[in-house]
């Protein structure tokens, strides 16, 4: 999939080529890299921080970090995976800075311990962008979903956003989070189960309950 350049033309220059130009001192290449990823970084930050000011700060911090640390990028993983690692750490930092508030309830407290069915929210809300399905989703259901995601403890929310909303693989999500793939799958299952439990009454009322 090509990026779109000026005038709607496909921008075929790879991330690797842009990075090579940046390392050679090309400032325009860094501007191009920011433009390529700024929307992705902001949207991810907002989904996690749930606050536009914190999301903007996290985005700015992320690109400052990228500029300062680009020499440490070894190319063993995709650039986007490395970028997600940086923005994830910045979102965590924003979260720690606001921990003077009451501690978030744990997922165990939020969930009914007897609720053991496999969560299947990936199919329901895997695409967070404004797709036709999103536009058809009732306003009340969308608001309930957003509140429910916000109630997830940070590490569960990060895994859910990385994996089910932004579409990273389990391997990539584990690498970004710095945890094992099994831990990633476990957190994802529990996040999906909690969110499905929160949405089930609304899905049923809207005639959308899955068999």
Protein backbone atom coordinates (compact mmCIF):
# COMPACT_ATOMS: atom_id res chain seq x y z
CA UNK A 1 0.00 0.00 0.00
CA UNK A 2 1.51 3.30 -1.08
CA UNK A 3 1.36 6.52 0.85
CA UNK A 4 -0.27 9.45 -0.89
CA UNK A 5 1.98 12.35 -1.84
CA UNK A 6 1.26 15.86 -3.07
CA UNK A 7 -1.45 16.18 -5.67
CA UNK A 8 -2.87 12.78 -4.72
CA UNK A 9 0.02 10.92 -6.37
CA UNK A 10 1.24 7.70 -4.71
CA UNK A 11 4.30 8.33 -2.59
CA UNK A 12 6.38 5.22 -3.26
CA UNK A 13 9.32 6.27 -1.13
CA UNK A 14 9.70 3.74 1.65
CA UNK A 15 10.22 4.53 5.32
CA UNK A 16 13.72 3.13 4.98
CA UNK A 17 14.52 5.55 2.15
CA UNK A 18 13.22 8.50 4.15
CA UNK A 19 15.26 7.43 7.17
CA UNK A 20 18.39 7.17 5.04
CA UNK A 21 17.82 10.72 3.80
CA UNK A 22 17.23 11.98 7.35
CA UNK A 23 20.47 10.39 8.52
CA UNK A 24 22.20 12.15 5.63
CA UNK A 25 20.96 15.47 6.98
CA UNK A 26 17.88 15.99 4.79
CA UNK A 27 15.45 18.01 6.95
CA UNK A 28 12.70 17.79 4.33
CA UNK A 29 12.76 14.01 4.68
CA UNK A 30 12.03 14.30 8.40
CA UNK A 31 9.13 16.65 7.64
CA UNK A 32 7.83 14.07 5.18
CA UNK A 33 8.12 11.33 7.81
CA UNK A 34 6.15 13.42 10.31
CA UNK A 35 3.42 14.11 7.77
CA UNK A 36 3.25 10.40 6.97
CA UNK A 37 2.67 9.35 10.57
CA UNK A 38 1.34 12.34 12.53
CA UNK A 39 -2.33 11.39 12.13
CA UNK A 40 -1.64 7.78 13.09
CA UNK A 41 0.32 8.84 16.18
CA UNK A 42 -2.28 11.39 17.29
CA UNK A 43 -5.22 9.01 16.79
CA UNK A 44 -3.45 6.27 18.74
CA UNK A 45 -2.51 8.69 21.54
CA UNK A 46 -6.08 9.94 21.78
CA UNK A 47 -7.51 6.43 21.91
CA UNK A 48 -5.22 5.65 24.84
CA UNK A 49 -5.11 9.00 26.69
CA UNK A 50 -8.76 9.89 26.03
CA UNK A 51 -7.76 13.54 26.23
CA UNK A 52 -6.94 15.78 23.23
CA UNK A 53 -4.37 17.87 25.12
CA UNK A 54 -2.48 14.82 26.41
CA UNK A 55 -2.73 13.22 22.97
CA UNK A 56 -1.21 16.31 21.34
CA UNK A 57 1.59 16.38 23.92
CA UNK A 58 2.27 12.68 23.44
CA UNK A 59 2.45 13.17 19.66
CA UNK A 60 4.90 16.06 19.97
CA UNK A 61 7.04 14.13 22.47
CA UNK A 62 7.02 11.13 20.16
CA UNK A 63 8.45 12.97 17.16
CA UNK A 64 11.04 14.70 19.35
CA UNK A 65 12.06 11.23 20.56
CA UNK A 66 12.14 9.93 16.99
CA UNK A 67 14.43 12.76 15.91
CA UNK A 68 16.78 12.20 18.85
CA UNK A 69 16.79 8.39 18.73
CA UNK A 70 16.62 7.67 15.01
CA UNK A 71 20.26 6.57 14.96
CA UNK A 72 19.30 3.77 17.38
CA UNK A 73 16.73 2.34 14.94
CA UNK A 74 18.44 -0.77 13.59
CA UNK A 75 15.85 -1.80 11.02
CA UNK A 76 15.32 -5.25 12.55
CA UNK A 77 11.65 -4.42 13.02
CA UNK A 78 9.36 -2.26 10.90
CA UNK A 79 9.74 1.46 11.49
CA UNK A 80 6.04 1.64 12.41
CA UNK A 81 6.57 -0.94 15.16
CA UNK A 82 9.48 1.07 16.57
CA UNK A 83 7.34 4.22 16.36
CA UNK A 84 4.46 2.56 18.21
CA UNK A 85 6.90 1.56 20.97
CA UNK A 86 7.89 5.20 21.45
CA UNK A 87 4.36 6.57 21.45
CA UNK A 88 3.21 3.78 23.79
CA UNK A 89 5.93 4.74 26.27
CA UNK A 90 4.92 8.40 25.99
CA UNK A 91 1.28 7.54 26.65
CA UNK A 92 2.33 5.54 29.69
CA UNK A 93 4.32 8.51 30.92
CA UNK A 94 1.28 10.77 30.54
CA UNK A 95 -0.71 8.25 32.51
CA UNK A 96 1.83 8.17 35.33
CA UNK A 97 1.80 11.95 35.47
CA UNK A 98 -1.92 11.95 36.20
CA UNK A 99 -1.93 9.17 38.78
CA UNK A 100 -2.73 11.60 41.55
CA UNK A 101 -6.32 10.82 40.65
CA UNK A 102 -8.03 7.84 42.23
CA UNK A 103 -6.38 4.64 41.02
CA UNK A 104 -8.20 2.94 38.20
CA UNK A 105 -10.31 -0.02 39.15
CA UNK A 106 -8.66 -3.28 38.21
CA UNK A 107 -10.07 -5.41 35.41
CA UNK A 108 -10.84 -8.15 37.90
CA UNK A 109 -13.07 -5.79 39.86
CA UNK A 110 -14.83 -4.60 36.73
CA UNK A 111 -15.54 -8.05 35.38
CA UNK A 112 -17.88 -10.69 36.78
CA UNK A 113 -15.52 -13.54 37.82
CA UNK A 114 -18.01 -16.06 36.44
CA UNK A 115 -17.86 -14.51 32.97
CA UNK A 116 -15.64 -16.98 31.12
CA UNK A 117 -16.82 -16.97 27.49
CA UNK A 118 -14.26 -16.03 24.86
CA UNK A 119 -14.41 -12.35 23.97
CA UNK A 120 -15.19 -11.74 20.32
CA UNK A 121 -15.00 -7.96 20.12
CA UNK A 122 -12.38 -8.05 17.37
CA UNK A 123 -15.06 -8.65 14.75
CA UNK A 124 -17.40 -6.07 16.25
CA UNK A 125 -15.05 -3.09 16.44
CA UNK A 126 -11.80 -4.05 14.77
CA UNK A 127 -11.99 -0.94 12.60
CA UNK A 128 -12.11 2.27 14.61
CA UNK A 129 -11.94 4.57 11.61
CA UNK A 130 -15.12 6.23 10.37
CA UNK A 131 -16.32 3.34 8.20
CA UNK A 132 -19.93 2.85 7.03
CA UNK A 133 -20.39 0.37 9.87
CA UNK A 134 -19.27 3.00 12.38
CA UNK A 135 -21.69 5.54 10.96
CA UNK A 136 -24.52 3.04 11.31
CA UNK A 137 -23.63 2.36 14.94
CA UNK A 138 -26.04 4.21 17.21
CA UNK A 139 -24.68 7.21 19.06
CA UNK A 140 -25.55 5.69 22.42
CA UNK A 141 -23.74 2.44 21.61
CA UNK A 142 -20.64 4.34 20.46
CA UNK A 143 -20.61 6.41 23.66
CA UNK A 144 -20.94 3.26 25.79
CA UNK A 145 -18.07 1.68 23.87
CA UNK A 146 -15.83 4.71 24.35
CA UNK A 147 -16.60 4.88 28.08
CA UNK A 148 -15.94 1.16 28.42
CA UNK A 149 -12.56 1.39 26.66
CA UNK A 150 -11.66 4.31 28.94
CA UNK A 151 -12.45 2.15 31.99
CA UNK A 152 -9.99 -0.55 30.96
CA UNK A 153 -6.74 -0.46 32.97
CA UNK A 154 -4.01 1.14 30.89
CA UNK A 155 -2.07 -1.99 29.92
CA UNK A 156 -5.26 -3.77 28.78
CA UNK A 157 -6.37 -0.66 26.90
CA UNK A 158 -3.00 -0.38 25.15
CA UNK A 159 -3.10 -4.01 24.02
CA UNK A 160 -6.68 -3.69 22.82
CA UNK A 161 -6.01 -0.49 20.86
CA UNK A 162 -2.76 -1.81 19.35
CA UNK A 163 -4.19 -5.18 18.35
CA UNK A 164 -7.90 -4.76 17.61
CA UNK A 165 -8.24 -1.10 16.66
CA UNK A 166 -4.93 -0.27 14.96
CA UNK A 167 -4.48 -3.77 13.53
CA UNK A 168 -0.98 -4.69 14.71
CA UNK A 169 -0.21 -8.40 14.85
CA UNK A 170 0.06 -10.24 18.16
CA UNK A 171 3.84 -10.44 17.65
CA UNK A 172 4.12 -6.71 16.95
CA UNK A 173 1.88 -5.82 19.91
CA UNK A 174 3.97 -7.97 22.24
CA UNK A 175 7.16 -6.31 20.97
CA UNK A 176 5.70 -2.81 21.38
CA UNK A 177 4.46 -3.57 24.90
CA UNK A 178 7.61 -5.44 25.94
CA UNK A 179 5.68 -8.53 27.02
CA UNK A 180 5.32 -12.10 25.76
CA UNK A 181 2.84 -13.09 23.08
CA UNK A 182 0.98 -15.24 25.62
CA UNK A 183 0.63 -12.26 27.96
CA UNK A 184 -0.60 -10.19 25.02
CA UNK A 185 -3.23 -12.80 24.13
CA UNK A 186 -4.33 -13.07 27.77
CA UNK A 187 -4.78 -9.30 28.18
CA UNK A 188 -6.56 -9.09 24.84
CA UNK A 189 -9.01 -11.88 25.74
CA UNK A 190 -9.89 -10.21 29.01
CA UNK A 191 -10.23 -6.76 27.46
CA UNK A 192 -12.51 -8.13 24.72
CA UNK A 193 -14.58 -10.06 27.25
CA UNK A 194 -15.08 -7.01 29.45
CA UNK A 195 -16.04 -4.80 26.50
CA UNK A 196 -18.43 -7.39 25.09
CA UNK A 197 -20.09 -7.70 28.49
CA UNK A 198 -20.53 -3.93 28.60
CA UNK A 199 -22.02 -3.81 25.08
CA UNK A 200 -24.19 -6.94 25.13
CA UNK A 201 -27.30 -5.22 26.59
CA UNK A 202 -27.08 -2.48 23.97
CA UNK A 203 -26.37 -4.88 21.13
CA UNK A 204 -29.40 -6.94 22.16
CA UNK A 205 -31.58 -3.87 22.38
CA UNK A 206 -30.50 -2.79 18.91
CA UNK A 207 -31.14 -6.21 17.41
CA UNK A 208 -27.40 -6.79 16.94
CA UNK A 209 -26.69 -9.56 19.45
CA UNK A 210 -24.57 -12.24 17.93
CA UNK A 211 -25.55 -15.89 18.24
